[in-house]
């Protein structure tokens, strides 16, 4: 692991039904830009009061455990990134506080083509492994490649190709 990285422990669940009234939950609009054939992601996060920009390198060590290196950017720094090809996806993240955990519920897609992914981050591996999901109708997708951020971006986003 590089000296600037930190470990992230998370589990992901696809929610077949959403038990929460998401419209009453705090939400952030997130635009993720994935750079194909790398582990890099640019992110713009906004809510009613704040906009943040990040460049993150996320490497999956084992399912549920990731090495993360993040640099916070200014808006002008964010805008200078220009890649020949990128995959862009927009989603809304709702935050639900429950059972001593903050749960991010990401809403991908529109209309009848929506998918809800609940992500829960933990302070260590043992807490992650001992967590019992309390969602009524869910499938754990922590180990499923088709539910990682890049694959969801390919499914619900758009590929942009530019000549540099």
N, C-alpha and C. Protein backbone atom coordinates (compact mmCIF):
# COMPACT_ATOMS: atom_id res chain seq x y z
N UNK A 1 0.85 -1.17 0.00
CA UNK A 1 0.00 0.00 0.00
C UNK A 1 0.90 1.24 0.00
N UNK A 2 0.52 2.25 -0.81
CA UNK A 2 1.36 3.44 -0.84
C UNK A 2 1.17 4.27 0.42
N UNK A 3 2.13 5.12 0.74
CA UNK A 3 2.12 5.81 2.03
C UNK A 3 1.04 6.88 2.14
N UNK A 4 0.41 7.27 1.04
CA UNK A 4 -0.65 8.28 1.08
C UNK A 4 -2.05 7.67 1.10
N UNK A 5 -2.13 6.37 0.96
CA UNK A 5 -3.43 5.69 0.89
C UNK A 5 -3.94 5.33 2.28
N UNK A 6 -5.22 5.07 2.35
CA UNK A 6 -5.81 4.51 3.56
C UNK A 6 -6.73 3.37 3.14
N UNK A 7 -7.02 2.49 4.08
CA UNK A 7 -7.90 1.37 3.78
C UNK A 7 -9.35 1.77 4.03
N UNK A 8 -10.20 1.26 3.17
CA UNK A 8 -11.64 1.46 3.30
C UNK A 8 -12.27 0.08 3.37
N UNK A 9 -13.15 -0.11 4.33
CA UNK A 9 -13.92 -1.36 4.43
C UNK A 9 -15.36 -1.01 4.15
N UNK A 10 -15.96 -1.68 3.17
CA UNK A 10 -17.36 -1.39 2.84
C UNK A 10 -18.06 -2.64 2.35
N UNK A 11 -19.37 -2.62 2.55
CA UNK A 11 -20.22 -3.64 1.96
C UNK A 11 -21.29 -2.94 1.16
N UNK A 12 -21.74 -3.61 0.09
CA UNK A 12 -22.75 -3.04 -0.80
C UNK A 12 -23.92 -4.00 -0.93
N UNK A 13 -25.10 -3.40 -1.03
CA UNK A 13 -26.33 -4.18 -1.16
C UNK A 13 -27.20 -3.54 -2.23
N UNK A 14 -27.71 -4.36 -3.14
CA UNK A 14 -28.72 -3.87 -4.09
C UNK A 14 -30.06 -4.00 -3.39
N UNK A 15 -30.76 -2.88 -3.29
CA UNK A 15 -32.07 -2.88 -2.62
C UNK A 15 -33.15 -3.12 -3.66
N UNK A 16 -33.89 -4.20 -3.49
CA UNK A 16 -34.99 -4.49 -4.41
C UNK A 16 -36.21 -3.64 -4.10
N UNK A 17 -36.37 -3.28 -2.85
CA UNK A 17 -37.40 -2.32 -2.44
C UNK A 17 -36.72 -1.33 -1.52
N UNK A 18 -37.15 -0.10 -1.57
CA UNK A 18 -36.57 0.94 -0.72
C UNK A 18 -37.55 1.20 0.42
N UNK A 19 -37.09 0.93 1.64
CA UNK A 19 -37.94 1.05 2.82
C UNK A 19 -37.96 2.46 3.39
N UNK A 20 -37.15 3.34 2.84
CA UNK A 20 -37.00 4.68 3.37
C UNK A 20 -37.68 5.67 2.43
N UNK A 21 -38.20 6.74 2.96
CA UNK A 21 -38.72 7.82 2.14
C UNK A 21 -37.53 8.70 1.77
N UNK A 22 -36.89 8.39 0.67
CA UNK A 22 -35.65 9.06 0.30
C UNK A 22 -35.82 10.56 0.11
N UNK A 23 -36.99 10.99 -0.29
CA UNK A 23 -37.19 12.42 -0.53
C UNK A 23 -37.07 13.24 0.76
N UNK A 24 -37.20 12.59 1.92
CA UNK A 24 -37.06 13.31 3.19
C UNK A 24 -35.63 13.23 3.73
N UNK A 25 -34.76 12.47 3.05
CA UNK A 25 -33.39 12.30 3.50
C UNK A 25 -32.48 13.34 2.86
N UNK A 26 -31.40 13.72 3.58
CA UNK A 26 -30.43 14.60 2.93
C UNK A 26 -29.83 13.90 1.72
N UNK A 27 -29.65 14.62 0.65
CA UNK A 27 -29.11 14.01 -0.57
C UNK A 27 -28.02 14.86 -1.19
N UNK A 28 -27.15 14.22 -1.92
CA UNK A 28 -26.11 14.90 -2.68
C UNK A 28 -26.18 14.44 -4.12
N UNK A 29 -25.96 15.35 -5.02
CA UNK A 29 -25.88 15.01 -6.45
C UNK A 29 -24.42 14.73 -6.73
N UNK A 30 -24.14 13.57 -7.32
CA UNK A 30 -22.76 13.15 -7.58
C UNK A 30 -22.60 12.88 -9.06
N UNK A 31 -21.54 13.44 -9.63
CA UNK A 31 -21.13 13.11 -10.98
C UNK A 31 -19.77 12.42 -10.87
N UNK A 32 -19.71 11.18 -11.31
CA UNK A 32 -18.46 10.41 -11.32
C UNK A 32 -17.98 10.30 -12.75
N UNK A 33 -16.69 10.49 -12.93
CA UNK A 33 -16.06 10.33 -14.24
C UNK A 33 -14.96 9.28 -14.06
N UNK A 34 -15.15 8.14 -14.71
CA UNK A 34 -14.18 7.05 -14.64
C UNK A 34 -13.29 7.08 -15.88
N UNK A 35 -12.01 6.86 -15.67
CA UNK A 35 -11.06 6.83 -16.76
C UNK A 35 -10.80 5.35 -17.08
N UNK A 36 -11.24 4.89 -18.26
CA UNK A 36 -11.10 3.47 -18.60
C UNK A 36 -9.65 2.98 -18.49
N UNK A 37 -9.51 1.73 -18.10
CA UNK A 37 -8.22 1.05 -17.98
C UNK A 37 -7.33 1.65 -16.90
N UNK A 38 -7.93 2.35 -15.95
CA UNK A 38 -7.19 2.86 -14.79
C UNK A 38 -8.05 2.61 -13.56
N UNK A 39 -7.53 2.95 -12.41
CA UNK A 39 -8.31 2.89 -11.17
C UNK A 39 -8.67 4.30 -10.70
N UNK A 40 -8.70 5.27 -11.64
CA UNK A 40 -8.95 6.67 -11.31
C UNK A 40 -10.41 7.07 -11.52
N UNK A 41 -10.86 7.94 -10.61
CA UNK A 41 -12.21 8.48 -10.70
C UNK A 41 -12.17 9.96 -10.30
N UNK A 42 -12.76 10.81 -11.12
CA UNK A 42 -13.01 12.20 -10.75
C UNK A 42 -14.42 12.27 -10.21
N UNK A 43 -14.64 13.08 -9.17
CA UNK A 43 -15.97 13.19 -8.60
C UNK A 43 -16.30 14.65 -8.30
N UNK A 44 -17.54 15.02 -8.66
CA UNK A 44 -18.11 16.30 -8.27
C UNK A 44 -19.32 15.98 -7.40
N UNK A 45 -19.33 16.49 -6.16
CA UNK A 45 -20.43 16.26 -5.23
C UNK A 45 -21.03 17.61 -4.86
N UNK A 46 -22.36 17.70 -4.90
CA UNK A 46 -22.99 18.96 -4.54
C UNK A 46 -24.28 18.72 -3.76
N UNK A 47 -24.55 19.64 -2.87
CA UNK A 47 -25.84 19.71 -2.21
C UNK A 47 -26.25 21.18 -2.22
N UNK A 48 -27.23 21.54 -1.46
CA UNK A 48 -27.75 22.91 -1.50
C UNK A 48 -26.71 23.95 -1.03
N UNK A 49 -25.72 23.52 -0.25
CA UNK A 49 -24.79 24.47 0.36
C UNK A 49 -23.34 24.37 -0.08
N UNK A 50 -22.97 23.30 -0.77
CA UNK A 50 -21.54 23.06 -0.98
C UNK A 50 -21.29 22.25 -2.25
N UNK A 51 -20.15 22.51 -2.87
CA UNK A 51 -19.68 21.69 -3.99
C UNK A 51 -18.26 21.25 -3.66
N UNK A 52 -17.97 19.97 -3.86
CA UNK A 52 -16.62 19.43 -3.63
C UNK A 52 -16.17 18.67 -4.86
N UNK A 53 -14.86 18.70 -5.12
CA UNK A 53 -14.26 18.02 -6.26
C UNK A 53 -13.14 17.13 -5.74
N UNK A 54 -13.07 15.89 -6.27
CA UNK A 54 -12.06 14.95 -5.80
C UNK A 54 -11.49 14.14 -6.97
N UNK A 55 -10.25 13.77 -6.84
CA UNK A 55 -9.61 12.78 -7.70
C UNK A 55 -9.24 11.62 -6.79
N UNK A 56 -9.75 10.43 -7.10
CA UNK A 56 -9.53 9.26 -6.25
C UNK A 56 -8.97 8.11 -7.05
N UNK A 57 -8.02 7.43 -6.43
CA UNK A 57 -7.52 6.16 -6.96
C UNK A 57 -8.01 5.10 -5.98
N UNK A 58 -8.81 4.16 -6.48
CA UNK A 58 -9.40 3.14 -5.63
C UNK A 58 -9.01 1.77 -6.17
N UNK A 59 -8.31 1.02 -5.35
CA UNK A 59 -7.84 -0.31 -5.74
C UNK A 59 -8.47 -1.33 -4.81
N UNK A 60 -9.18 -2.29 -5.37
CA UNK A 60 -9.78 -3.35 -4.57
C UNK A 60 -8.70 -4.35 -4.18
N UNK A 61 -8.50 -4.51 -2.87
CA UNK A 61 -7.50 -5.46 -2.37
C UNK A 61 -8.13 -6.87 -2.33
N UNK A 62 -9.23 -6.97 -1.63
CA UNK A 62 -10.09 -8.15 -1.58
C UNK A 62 -11.50 -7.59 -1.53
N UNK A 63 -12.52 -8.37 -1.86
CA UNK A 63 -13.88 -7.82 -1.81
C UNK A 63 -14.19 -7.18 -0.47
N UNK A 64 -14.62 -5.93 -0.52
CA UNK A 64 -14.97 -5.19 0.69
C UNK A 64 -13.83 -4.37 1.26
N UNK A 65 -12.59 -4.62 0.82
CA UNK A 65 -11.44 -3.88 1.33
C UNK A 65 -10.75 -3.19 0.16
N UNK A 66 -10.66 -1.86 0.25
CA UNK A 66 -10.09 -1.07 -0.84
C UNK A 66 -8.99 -0.16 -0.33
N UNK A 67 -7.99 0.03 -1.19
CA UNK A 67 -6.95 1.03 -0.92
C UNK A 67 -7.39 2.31 -1.62
N UNK A 68 -7.48 3.40 -0.87
CA UNK A 68 -8.00 4.65 -1.39
C UNK A 68 -6.98 5.77 -1.22
N UNK A 69 -6.75 6.51 -2.29
CA UNK A 69 -5.95 7.72 -2.23
C UNK A 69 -6.78 8.82 -2.86
N UNK A 70 -7.03 9.89 -2.11
CA UNK A 70 -7.90 10.96 -2.59
C UNK A 70 -7.20 12.31 -2.47
N UNK A 71 -7.37 13.12 -3.50
CA UNK A 71 -6.89 14.50 -3.51
C UNK A 71 -8.11 15.37 -3.74
N UNK A 72 -8.30 16.37 -2.88
CA UNK A 72 -9.37 17.33 -3.09
C UNK A 72 -8.88 18.41 -4.04
N UNK A 73 -9.75 18.80 -4.97
CA UNK A 73 -9.40 19.74 -6.03
C UNK A 73 -10.25 21.00 -5.94
N UNK A 74 -9.76 22.06 -6.56
CA UNK A 74 -10.60 23.25 -6.76
C UNK A 74 -11.40 23.03 -8.04
N UNK A 75 -12.40 23.88 -8.27
CA UNK A 75 -13.20 23.77 -9.49
C UNK A 75 -12.32 23.95 -10.72
N UNK A 76 -11.37 24.87 -10.68
CA UNK A 76 -10.50 25.08 -11.85
C UNK A 76 -9.56 23.90 -12.06
N UNK A 77 -9.08 23.28 -10.99
CA UNK A 77 -8.25 22.08 -11.15
C UNK A 77 -9.07 20.93 -11.74
N UNK A 78 -10.29 20.78 -11.28
CA UNK A 78 -11.18 19.73 -11.78
C UNK A 78 -11.40 19.90 -13.29
N UNK A 79 -11.55 21.14 -13.73
CA UNK A 79 -11.89 21.40 -15.13
C UNK A 79 -10.73 21.16 -16.10
N UNK A 80 -9.49 21.07 -15.62
CA UNK A 80 -8.36 20.87 -16.55
C UNK A 80 -8.20 19.43 -16.99
N UNK A 81 -8.86 18.51 -16.30
CA UNK A 81 -8.73 17.11 -16.70
C UNK A 81 -9.48 16.89 -18.01
N UNK A 82 -8.77 16.36 -18.97
CA UNK A 82 -9.32 16.15 -20.30
C UNK A 82 -8.73 14.84 -20.83
N UNK A 83 -9.55 13.83 -20.91
CA UNK A 83 -9.09 12.51 -21.31
C UNK A 83 -9.67 12.14 -22.67
N UNK A 84 -8.96 11.29 -23.39
CA UNK A 84 -9.44 10.85 -24.71
C UNK A 84 -10.76 10.09 -24.56
N UNK A 85 -10.89 9.33 -23.49
CA UNK A 85 -12.14 8.59 -23.27
C UNK A 85 -12.44 8.59 -21.78
N UNK A 86 -13.71 8.77 -21.45
CA UNK A 86 -14.13 8.72 -20.06
C UNK A 86 -15.57 8.24 -20.00
N UNK A 87 -15.94 7.71 -18.86
CA UNK A 87 -17.31 7.24 -18.65
C UNK A 87 -17.90 8.10 -17.54
N UNK A 88 -18.99 8.79 -17.85
CA UNK A 88 -19.61 9.74 -16.92
C UNK A 88 -20.96 9.20 -16.47
N UNK A 89 -21.19 9.25 -15.17
CA UNK A 89 -22.49 8.84 -14.63
C UNK A 89 -22.91 9.84 -13.55
N UNK A 90 -24.20 10.11 -13.50
CA UNK A 90 -24.76 10.96 -12.45
C UNK A 90 -25.68 10.11 -11.59
N UNK A 91 -25.62 10.37 -10.30
CA UNK A 91 -26.45 9.62 -9.35
C UNK A 91 -26.79 10.55 -8.19
N UNK A 92 -27.77 10.15 -7.41
CA UNK A 92 -28.10 10.87 -6.19
C UNK A 92 -27.79 9.96 -5.02
N UNK A 93 -27.09 10.51 -4.02
CA UNK A 93 -26.77 9.74 -2.81
C UNK A 93 -27.57 10.31 -1.65
N UNK A 94 -28.34 9.43 -1.01
CA UNK A 94 -29.10 9.78 0.17
C UNK A 94 -28.39 9.18 1.38
N UNK A 95 -28.39 9.89 2.49
CA UNK A 95 -27.73 9.41 3.70
C UNK A 95 -28.81 9.02 4.71
N UNK A 96 -28.72 7.77 5.17
CA UNK A 96 -29.65 7.25 6.17
C UNK A 96 -28.84 6.87 7.40
N UNK A 97 -29.18 7.42 8.55
CA UNK A 97 -28.51 7.06 9.80
C UNK A 97 -29.33 5.96 10.47
N UNK A 98 -28.68 4.81 10.71
CA UNK A 98 -29.40 3.69 11.29
C UNK A 98 -28.43 2.72 11.94
N UNK A 99 -28.80 2.20 13.10
CA UNK A 99 -28.00 1.17 13.79
C UNK A 99 -26.52 1.53 13.88
N UNK A 100 -26.21 2.73 14.28
CA UNK A 100 -24.84 3.20 14.48
C UNK A 100 -24.03 3.28 13.19
N UNK A 101 -24.68 3.29 12.05
CA UNK A 101 -23.99 3.40 10.77
C UNK A 101 -24.67 4.46 9.92
N UNK A 102 -23.86 5.19 9.17
CA UNK A 102 -24.41 6.04 8.12
C UNK A 102 -24.40 5.22 6.85
N UNK A 103 -25.55 5.14 6.23
CA UNK A 103 -25.71 4.32 5.03
C UNK A 103 -25.93 5.26 3.86
N UNK A 104 -25.08 5.15 2.85
CA UNK A 104 -25.28 5.90 1.62
C UNK A 104 -26.11 5.06 0.67
N UNK A 105 -27.23 5.59 0.23
CA UNK A 105 -28.06 4.88 -0.76
C UNK A 105 -27.95 5.65 -2.06
N UNK A 106 -27.31 5.02 -3.05
CA UNK A 106 -27.11 5.63 -4.36
C UNK A 106 -28.24 5.24 -5.29
N UNK A 107 -28.84 6.23 -5.92
CA UNK A 107 -29.91 6.01 -6.89
C UNK A 107 -29.33 6.24 -8.29
N UNK A 108 -29.30 5.18 -9.08
CA UNK A 108 -28.83 5.23 -10.47
C UNK A 108 -30.03 5.12 -11.39
N UNK A 109 -29.98 5.80 -12.52
CA UNK A 109 -31.01 5.64 -13.54
C UNK A 109 -32.20 6.55 -13.34
N UNK A 110 -33.14 6.41 -14.26
CA UNK A 110 -34.35 7.22 -14.24
C UNK A 110 -35.56 6.34 -14.56
N UNK A 111 -36.73 6.84 -14.22
CA UNK A 111 -37.97 6.13 -14.55
C UNK A 111 -37.98 4.72 -13.99
N UNK A 112 -38.37 3.76 -14.83
CA UNK A 112 -38.45 2.36 -14.42
C UNK A 112 -37.12 1.65 -14.43
N UNK A 113 -36.06 2.32 -14.85
CA UNK A 113 -34.73 1.70 -14.94
C UNK A 113 -33.83 2.11 -13.78
N UNK A 114 -34.38 2.21 -12.58
CA UNK A 114 -33.61 2.64 -11.42
C UNK A 114 -33.02 1.44 -10.68
N UNK A 115 -31.84 1.67 -10.12
CA UNK A 115 -31.20 0.71 -9.23
C UNK A 115 -30.77 1.48 -7.99
N UNK A 116 -30.99 0.89 -6.83
CA UNK A 116 -30.58 1.49 -5.56
C UNK A 116 -29.51 0.61 -4.93
N UNK A 117 -28.36 1.22 -4.64
CA UNK A 117 -27.25 0.51 -4.03
C UNK A 117 -26.98 1.15 -2.67
N UNK A 118 -27.06 0.36 -1.62
CA UNK A 118 -26.73 0.82 -0.28
C UNK A 118 -25.27 0.48 -0.01
N UNK A 119 -24.49 1.48 0.41
CA UNK A 119 -23.09 1.29 0.75
C UNK A 119 -22.90 1.65 2.21
N UNK A 120 -22.23 0.78 2.93
CA UNK A 120 -21.96 1.01 4.35
C UNK A 120 -20.46 0.88 4.55
N UNK A 121 -19.85 1.93 5.11
CA UNK A 121 -18.42 1.91 5.41
C UNK A 121 -18.22 1.58 6.88
N UNK A 122 -17.13 0.89 7.15
CA UNK A 122 -16.84 0.43 8.51
C UNK A 122 -15.45 0.87 8.92
N UNK A 123 -15.20 0.89 10.22
CA UNK A 123 -13.90 1.33 10.73
C UNK A 123 -12.84 0.24 10.65
N UNK A 124 -13.26 -1.01 10.54
CA UNK A 124 -12.29 -2.11 10.44
C UNK A 124 -12.96 -3.34 9.84
N UNK A 125 -12.15 -4.32 9.53
CA UNK A 125 -12.63 -5.54 8.87
C UNK A 125 -13.59 -6.34 9.76
N UNK A 126 -13.29 -6.47 11.05
CA UNK A 126 -14.15 -7.30 11.91
C UNK A 126 -15.55 -6.69 12.05
N UNK A 127 -15.64 -5.36 12.14
CA UNK A 127 -16.95 -4.71 12.19
C UNK A 127 -17.70 -4.94 10.89
N UNK A 128 -16.99 -4.86 9.77
CA UNK A 128 -17.60 -5.10 8.47
C UNK A 128 -18.16 -6.52 8.39
N UNK A 129 -17.34 -7.48 8.79
CA UNK A 129 -17.74 -8.89 8.68
C UNK A 129 -18.87 -9.26 9.63
N UNK A 130 -18.98 -8.57 10.77
CA UNK A 130 -20.02 -8.93 11.73
C UNK A 130 -21.34 -8.19 11.50
N UNK A 131 -21.37 -7.27 10.54
CA UNK A 131 -22.58 -6.50 10.28
C UNK A 131 -23.68 -7.39 9.73
N UNK A 132 -24.87 -7.28 10.30
CA UNK A 132 -26.04 -8.00 9.82
C UNK A 132 -26.97 -7.01 9.14
N UNK A 133 -27.22 -7.18 7.84
CA UNK A 133 -28.11 -6.26 7.13
C UNK A 133 -29.52 -6.31 7.69
N UNK A 134 -30.16 -5.17 7.73
CA UNK A 134 -31.52 -5.10 8.25
C UNK A 134 -32.51 -4.71 7.16
N UNK A 135 -32.05 -4.63 5.90
CA UNK A 135 -32.94 -4.29 4.80
C UNK A 135 -33.87 -5.47 4.53
N UNK A 136 -35.12 -5.17 4.24
CA UNK A 136 -36.12 -6.22 4.04
C UNK A 136 -35.85 -7.05 2.79
N UNK A 137 -35.58 -6.40 1.68
CA UNK A 137 -35.46 -7.11 0.40
C UNK A 137 -34.20 -6.62 -0.29
N UNK A 138 -33.12 -7.41 -0.15
CA UNK A 138 -31.82 -6.98 -0.67
C UNK A 138 -31.00 -8.17 -1.15
N UNK A 139 -29.97 -7.86 -1.92
CA UNK A 139 -28.98 -8.84 -2.35
C UNK A 139 -27.61 -8.21 -2.09
N UNK A 140 -26.75 -8.92 -1.38
CA UNK A 140 -25.41 -8.36 -1.18
C UNK A 140 -24.64 -8.44 -2.48
N UNK A 141 -24.03 -7.31 -2.87
CA UNK A 141 -23.29 -7.23 -4.13
C UNK A 141 -21.85 -6.78 -3.91
N UNK A 142 -21.37 -6.86 -2.67
CA UNK A 142 -20.00 -6.47 -2.35
C UNK A 142 -19.00 -7.20 -3.24
N UNK A 143 -19.23 -8.47 -3.50
CA UNK A 143 -18.29 -9.30 -4.26
C UNK A 143 -18.59 -9.34 -5.75
N UNK A 144 -19.59 -8.59 -6.20
CA UNK A 144 -20.03 -8.66 -7.59
C UNK A 144 -19.42 -7.52 -8.42
N UNK A 145 -18.64 -7.88 -9.40
CA UNK A 145 -18.00 -6.89 -10.27
C UNK A 145 -19.04 -6.03 -10.99
N UNK A 146 -20.18 -6.60 -11.35
CA UNK A 146 -21.17 -5.82 -12.10
C UNK A 146 -21.77 -4.67 -11.30
N UNK A 147 -21.49 -4.61 -9.99
CA UNK A 147 -22.01 -3.52 -9.17
C UNK A 147 -20.90 -2.61 -8.64
N UNK A 148 -19.69 -2.70 -9.22
CA UNK A 148 -18.69 -1.70 -8.83
C UNK A 148 -19.00 -0.39 -9.56
N UNK A 149 -18.40 0.69 -9.12
CA UNK A 149 -18.74 2.01 -9.66
C UNK A 149 -18.57 2.12 -11.17
N UNK A 150 -17.47 1.58 -11.69
CA UNK A 150 -17.21 1.68 -13.12
C UNK A 150 -18.27 0.92 -13.93
N UNK A 151 -18.61 -0.27 -13.49
CA UNK A 151 -19.61 -1.06 -14.22
C UNK A 151 -20.99 -0.40 -14.16
N UNK A 152 -21.34 0.19 -13.02
CA UNK A 152 -22.60 0.93 -12.93
C UNK A 152 -22.57 2.16 -13.83
N UNK A 153 -21.40 2.80 -13.94
CA UNK A 153 -21.27 3.95 -14.84
C UNK A 153 -21.46 3.52 -16.29
N UNK A 154 -20.91 2.38 -16.67
CA UNK A 154 -21.10 1.89 -18.03
C UNK A 154 -22.58 1.60 -18.31
N UNK A 155 -23.27 1.08 -17.30
CA UNK A 155 -24.68 0.70 -17.45
C UNK A 155 -25.62 1.90 -17.46
N UNK A 156 -25.38 2.89 -16.60
CA UNK A 156 -26.31 4.00 -16.44
C UNK A 156 -25.76 5.34 -16.93
N UNK A 157 -24.51 5.37 -17.33
CA UNK A 157 -23.91 6.62 -17.76
C UNK A 157 -23.70 6.67 -19.25
N UNK A 158 -22.71 7.44 -19.64
CA UNK A 158 -22.39 7.56 -21.06
C UNK A 158 -20.88 7.63 -21.23
N UNK A 159 -20.41 7.06 -22.33
CA UNK A 159 -19.00 7.12 -22.68
C UNK A 159 -18.77 8.33 -23.56
N UNK A 160 -17.77 9.11 -23.19
CA UNK A 160 -17.43 10.31 -23.95
C UNK A 160 -16.06 10.10 -24.56
N UNK A 161 -15.96 10.28 -25.86
CA UNK A 161 -14.68 10.14 -26.56
C UNK A 161 -14.32 11.49 -27.14
N UNK A 162 -13.08 11.91 -26.92
CA UNK A 162 -12.60 13.18 -27.41
C UNK A 162 -11.28 12.95 -28.13
N UNK A 163 -10.97 13.82 -29.06
CA UNK A 163 -9.64 13.79 -29.65
C UNK A 163 -8.81 14.85 -28.94
N UNK A 164 -7.66 14.45 -28.47
CA UNK A 164 -6.81 15.39 -27.72
C UNK A 164 -5.78 16.01 -28.62
